[in-house]
Amino acid sequence: MVRLTEVEQADQAFDAQMRERFNTGFASRRSEYPICDDASRKAEQAVARKGQALALKLSQTMREVPAVALAPDSVAVDSGAR
């Protein structure tokens, strides 16, 4: 969490918001899986796969190609072509 806020260069309000939401999610999952057993390990693996897929999607380069105005067809414009 510390590294995330450093990388994001979060201001104090955003940093507090991220920490609060992380802690809320952590507490929620902790109450759902109070002990380390097969169910908690499966849940951990499922969340890890979802996180990896999201990280891959976010890391892929997306590029917009600007539209280029095409020159009119010189044959169709030429008076001899009509």
C-alpha atoms as a PDB file:
ATOM      1  CA  MET A   1       0.000   0.000   0.000  1.00  0.00           C
ATOM      2  CA  VAL A   2       2.841   2.362   0.834  1.00  0.00           C
ATOM      3  CA  ARG A   3       4.494   1.722  -2.526  1.00  0.00           C
ATOM      4  CA  LEU A   4       1.194   2.288  -4.331  1.00  0.00           C
ATOM      5  CA  THR A   5       0.701   5.689  -2.739  1.00  0.00           C
ATOM      6  CA  GLU A   6       4.315   6.604  -3.519  1.00  0.00           C
ATOM      7  CA  VAL A   7       3.967   5.635  -7.176  1.00  0.00           C
ATOM      8  CA  GLU A   8       0.626   7.401  -7.500  1.00  0.00           C
ATOM      9  CA  GLN A   9       2.018  10.458  -5.704  1.00  0.00           C
ATOM     10  CA  ALA A  10      -1.278  10.639  -3.891  1.00  0.00           C
ATOM     11  CA  ASP A  11      -2.254  13.759  -2.014  1.00  0.00           C
ATOM     12  CA  GLN A  12      -3.188  13.345   1.639  1.00  0.00           C
ATOM     13  CA  ALA A  13      -6.955  13.045   1.036  1.00  0.00           C
ATOM     14  CA  PHE A  14      -6.551  10.448  -1.742  1.00  0.00           C
ATOM     15  CA  ASP A  15      -4.006   8.529   0.317  1.00  0.00           C
ATOM     16  CA  ALA A  16      -6.410   8.400   3.269  1.00  0.00           C
ATOM     17  CA  GLN A  17      -9.255   7.279   0.992  1.00  0.00           C
ATOM     18  CA  MET A  18      -7.185   4.446  -0.519  1.00  0.00           C
ATOM     19  CA  ARG A  19      -6.022   3.252   2.902  1.00  0.00           C
ATOM     20  CA  GLU A  20      -9.566   3.325   4.283  1.00  0.00           C
ATOM     21  CA  ARG A  21     -10.940   1.321   1.364  1.00  0.00           C
ATOM     22  CA  PHE A  22      -8.092  -1.178   1.517  1.00  0.00           C
ATOM     23  CA  ASN A  23      -8.593  -1.686   5.243  1.00  0.00           C
ATOM     24  CA  THR A  24     -12.360  -2.082   4.780  1.00  0.00           C
ATOM     25  CA  GLY A  25     -11.839  -4.741   2.112  1.00  0.00           C
ATOM     26  CA  PHE A  26      -9.181  -6.472   4.187  1.00  0.00           C
ATOM     27  CA  ALA A  27     -11.428  -6.615   7.254  1.00  0.00           C
ATOM     28  CA  SER A  28     -14.331  -7.895   5.166  1.00  0.00           C
ATOM     29  CA  ARG A  29     -12.307 -10.755   3.705  1.00  0.00           C
ATOM     30  CA  ARG A  30     -10.711 -11.525   7.038  1.00  0.00           C
ATOM     31  CA  SER A  31     -14.137 -12.018   8.604  1.00  0.00           C
ATOM     32  CA  GLU A  32     -15.146 -14.200   5.638  1.00  0.00           C
ATOM     33  CA  TYR A  33     -12.031 -16.389   5.973  1.00  0.00           C
ATOM     34  CA  PRO A  34     -10.933 -16.218   9.642  1.00  0.00           C
ATOM     35  CA  ILE A  35      -8.594 -19.215   9.310  1.00  0.00           C
ATOM     36  CA  CYS A  36      -6.229 -20.404   6.621  1.00  0.00           C
ATOM     37  CA  ASP A  37      -7.851 -23.471   5.050  1.00  0.00           C
ATOM     38  CA  ASP A  38      -8.647 -24.870   1.602  1.00  0.00           C
ATOM     39  CA  ALA A  39     -11.492 -22.382   1.066  1.00  0.00           C
ATOM     40  CA  SER A  40      -9.298 -19.380   1.898  1.00  0.00           C
ATOM     41  CA  ARG A  41      -6.501 -20.672  -0.355  1.00  0.00           C
ATOM     42  CA  LYS A  42      -8.924 -21.127  -3.254  1.00  0.00           C
ATOM     43  CA  ALA A  43     -10.303 -17.627  -2.709  1.00  0.00           C
ATOM     44  CA  GLU A  44      -6.750 -16.251  -2.617  1.00  0.00           C
ATOM     45  CA  GLN A  45      -5.902 -17.967  -5.906  1.00  0.00           C
ATOM     46  CA  ALA A  46      -9.090 -16.713  -7.569  1.00  0.00           C
ATOM     47  CA  VAL A  47      -8.395 -13.121  -6.489  1.00  0.00           C
ATOM     48  CA  ALA A  48      -4.768 -13.429  -7.627  1.00  0.00           C
ATOM     49  CA  ARG A  49      -5.871 -14.604 -11.086  1.00  0.00           C
ATOM     50  CA  LYS A  50      -8.338 -11.731 -11.337  1.00  0.00           C
ATOM     51  CA  GLY A  51      -5.621  -9.283 -10.286  1.00  0.00           C
ATOM     52  CA  GLN A  52      -3.159 -10.689 -12.820  1.00  0.00           C
ATOM     53  CA  ALA A  53      -5.724 -10.369 -15.610  1.00  0.00           C
ATOM     54  CA  LEU A  54      -6.458  -6.785 -14.613  1.00  0.00           C
ATOM     55  CA  ALA A  55      -2.754  -5.925 -14.389  1.00  0.00           C
ATOM     56  CA  LEU A  56      -2.157  -7.408 -17.840  1.00  0.00           C
ATOM     57  CA  LYS A  57      -5.031  -5.440 -19.324  1.00  0.00           C
ATOM     58  CA  LEU A  58      -3.845  -2.199 -17.727  1.00  0.00           C
ATOM     59  CA  SER A  59      -0.265  -2.759 -18.862  1.00  0.00           C
ATOM     60  CA  GLN A  60      -1.093  -3.267 -22.514  1.00  0.00           C
ATOM     61  CA  THR A  61      -0.276  -0.325 -24.693  1.00  0.00           C
ATOM     62  CA  MET A  62      -3.256   1.321 -26.251  1.00  0.00           C
ATOM     63  CA  ARG A  63      -2.669   3.673 -29.121  1.00  0.00           C
ATOM     64  CA  GLU A  64      -5.067   5.903 -30.944  1.00  0.00           C
ATOM     65  CA  VAL A  65      -4.305   6.481 -34.596  1.00  0.00           C
ATOM     66  CA  PRO A  66      -5.413   9.956 -35.629  1.00  0.00           C
ATOM     67  CA  ALA A  67      -7.656  10.135 -38.657  1.00  0.00           C
ATOM     68  CA  VAL A  68      -5.817  11.450 -41.695  1.00  0.00           C
ATOM     69  CA  ALA A  69      -7.658  13.633 -44.167  1.00  0.00           C
ATOM     70  CA  LEU A  70      -7.422  11.850 -47.467  1.00  0.00           C
ATOM     71  CA  ALA A  71      -6.642  13.834 -50.592  1.00  0.00           C
ATOM     72  CA  PRO A  72      -9.400  13.727 -53.183  1.00  0.00           C
ATOM     73  CA  ASP A  73      -8.854  11.281 -56.007  1.00  0.00           C
ATOM     74  CA  SER A  74      -6.931  13.272 -58.622  1.00  0.00           C
ATOM     75  CA  VAL A  75      -8.468  11.330 -61.503  1.00  0.00           C
ATOM     76  CA  ALA A  76     -12.021  12.113 -60.424  1.00  0.00           C
ATOM     77  CA  VAL A  77     -11.205  15.785 -59.865  1.00  0.00           C
ATOM     78  CA  ASP A  78      -9.371  16.271 -63.151  1.00  0.00           C
ATOM     79  CA  SER A  79     -11.643  17.978 -65.713  1.00  0.00           C
ATOM     80  CA  GLY A  80     -10.417  15.554 -68.363  1.00  0.00           C
ATOM     81  CA  ALA A  81     -11.831  12.630 -66.425  1.00  0.00           C
ATOM     82  CA  ARG A  82     -15.384  13.953 -66.622  1.00  0.00           C
END
